[in-house]
Protein backbone atom coordinates (compact mmCIF):
# COMPACT_ATOMS: atom_id res chain seq x y z
CA UNK A 1 0.00 0.00 0.00
CA UNK A 2 2.87 2.40 0.81
CA UNK A 3 4.50 1.67 -2.54
CA UNK A 4 1.20 2.18 -4.31
CA UNK A 5 0.70 5.55 -2.56
CA UNK A 6 4.26 6.52 -3.44
CA UNK A 7 3.65 5.69 -7.12
CA UNK A 8 0.39 7.66 -7.02
CA UNK A 9 2.17 10.71 -5.58
CA UNK A 10 4.88 10.40 -8.23
CA UNK A 11 2.28 10.24 -11.02
CA UNK A 12 0.47 13.26 -9.57
CA UNK A 13 3.76 15.15 -9.38
CA UNK A 14 4.54 14.23 -13.00
CA UNK A 15 1.07 15.31 -14.14
CA UNK A 16 1.45 18.63 -12.27
CA UNK A 17 4.86 19.19 -13.82
CA UNK A 18 3.52 18.42 -17.30
CA UNK A 19 0.72 20.94 -16.74
CA UNK A 20 3.27 23.49 -15.58
CA UNK A 21 5.37 22.88 -18.68
CA UNK A 22 2.31 23.29 -20.91
CA UNK A 23 1.33 26.54 -19.15
CA UNK A 24 4.86 27.88 -19.43
CA UNK A 25 4.99 27.03 -23.13
CA UNK A 26 1.72 28.92 -23.67
CA UNK A 27 3.08 31.84 -21.67
CA UNK A 28 6.28 31.77 -23.73
CA UNK A 29 4.30 31.91 -26.98
CA UNK A 30 2.20 34.76 -25.63
CA UNK A 31 5.34 36.68 -24.65
CA UNK A 32 6.86 36.05 -28.07
CA UNK A 33 3.77 37.52 -29.73
CA UNK A 34 3.82 40.50 -27.36
CA UNK A 35 7.53 41.04 -28.06
CA UNK A 36 6.90 40.90 -31.79
CA UNK A 37 4.06 43.43 -31.52
CA UNK A 38 6.22 45.74 -29.41
CA UNK A 39 9.08 45.47 -31.90
CA UNK A 40 6.73 46.36 -34.76
CA UNK A 41 5.34 49.30 -32.79
CA UNK A 42 8.83 50.57 -32.01
CA UNK A 43 9.82 50.21 -35.66
CA UNK A 44 6.74 52.15 -36.77
CA UNK A 45 7.43 54.89 -34.20
CA UNK A 46 11.04 55.15 -35.35
CA UNK A 47 9.89 55.42 -38.95
CA UNK A 48 7.33 58.13 -38.06
CA UNK A 49 9.94 60.01 -36.04
CA UNK A 50 12.37 59.80 -38.94
CA UNK A 51 9.74 61.17 -41.36
CA UNK A 52 8.89 63.95 -38.91
CA UNK A 53 12.57 64.77 -38.47
CA UNK A 54 13.07 65.03 -42.24
CA UNK A 55 9.86 67.04 -42.64
CA UNK A 56 10.99 69.53 -39.99
CA UNK A 57 14.43 69.94 -41.54
CA UNK A 58 12.91 70.41 -45.00
CA UNK A 59 11.05 73.45 -43.66
CA UNK A 60 13.86 75.02 -41.63
CA UNK A 61 15.94 77.86 -43.09
CA UNK A 62 18.93 79.82 -41.85
CA UNK A 63 19.18 83.63 -41.71
CA UNK A 64 19.90 83.83 -45.45
CA UNK A 65 16.94 81.59 -46.33
CA UNK A 66 19.04 78.54 -47.17
CA UNK A 67 17.91 75.10 -46.02
CA UNK A 68 19.54 73.84 -42.83
CA UNK A 69 21.70 70.76 -43.26
CA UNK A 70 20.36 67.91 -41.06
CA UNK A 71 23.86 66.38 -41.02
CA UNK A 72 25.16 69.39 -39.07
CA UNK A 73 22.31 69.92 -36.58
CA UNK A 74 20.09 67.94 -34.24
CA UNK A 75 16.66 68.76 -32.88
CA UNK A 76 16.52 68.78 -29.09
CA UNK A 77 13.20 68.75 -27.21
CA UNK A 78 13.38 69.78 -23.57
CA UNK A 79 11.11 68.55 -20.81
CA UNK A 80 9.48 72.00 -20.71
CA UNK A 81 8.35 71.59 -24.31
CA UNK A 82 10.86 73.88 -25.99
CA UNK A 83 12.47 72.74 -29.21
CA UNK A 84 16.06 73.73 -29.98
CA UNK A 85 18.29 73.29 -33.00
CA UNK A 86 21.79 72.38 -31.77
CA UNK A 87 24.97 71.89 -33.82
CA UNK A 88 26.04 68.25 -33.72
CA UNK A 89 29.60 69.02 -32.65
CA UNK A 90 28.26 70.62 -29.45
CA UNK A 91 26.05 67.64 -28.72
CA UNK A 92 28.94 65.20 -29.15
CA UNK A 93 31.19 67.16 -26.79
CA UNK A 94 28.39 67.34 -24.18
CA UNK A 95 27.83 63.59 -24.50
CA UNK A 96 31.54 62.95 -23.96
CA UNK A 97 31.47 65.10 -20.82
CA UNK A 98 28.34 63.30 -19.57
CA UNK A 99 29.98 59.93 -20.25
CA UNK A 100 33.08 60.98 -18.29
CA UNK A 101 30.89 62.10 -15.36
CA UNK A 102 29.03 58.77 -15.38
CA UNK A 103 32.29 56.81 -15.42
CA UNK A 104 33.64 58.82 -12.47
CA UNK A 105 30.43 58.18 -10.49
CA UNK A 106 30.77 54.43 -11.01
């Protein structure tokens, strides 16, 4: 009787583990689908942002009325809602300084 009960507990444990595996596989598939949807959404947002960026630069002009070169400037949006046009060489030097500060803090 003890051996029979032991076998029964083992079978129940195996059944529970098989159910757990099945549930985890379903969860994995669900997460894969969610990841795929998020990746598509991110890709679409990047594409829209890129189109917006090019649209903005196509409308911008310097003091002499010439188009502004998007290779030389970046658009910076602050948390207050202001939009600034910053030369890329200034942004790169600021990023280097920020990187150095972060490395010192570590």
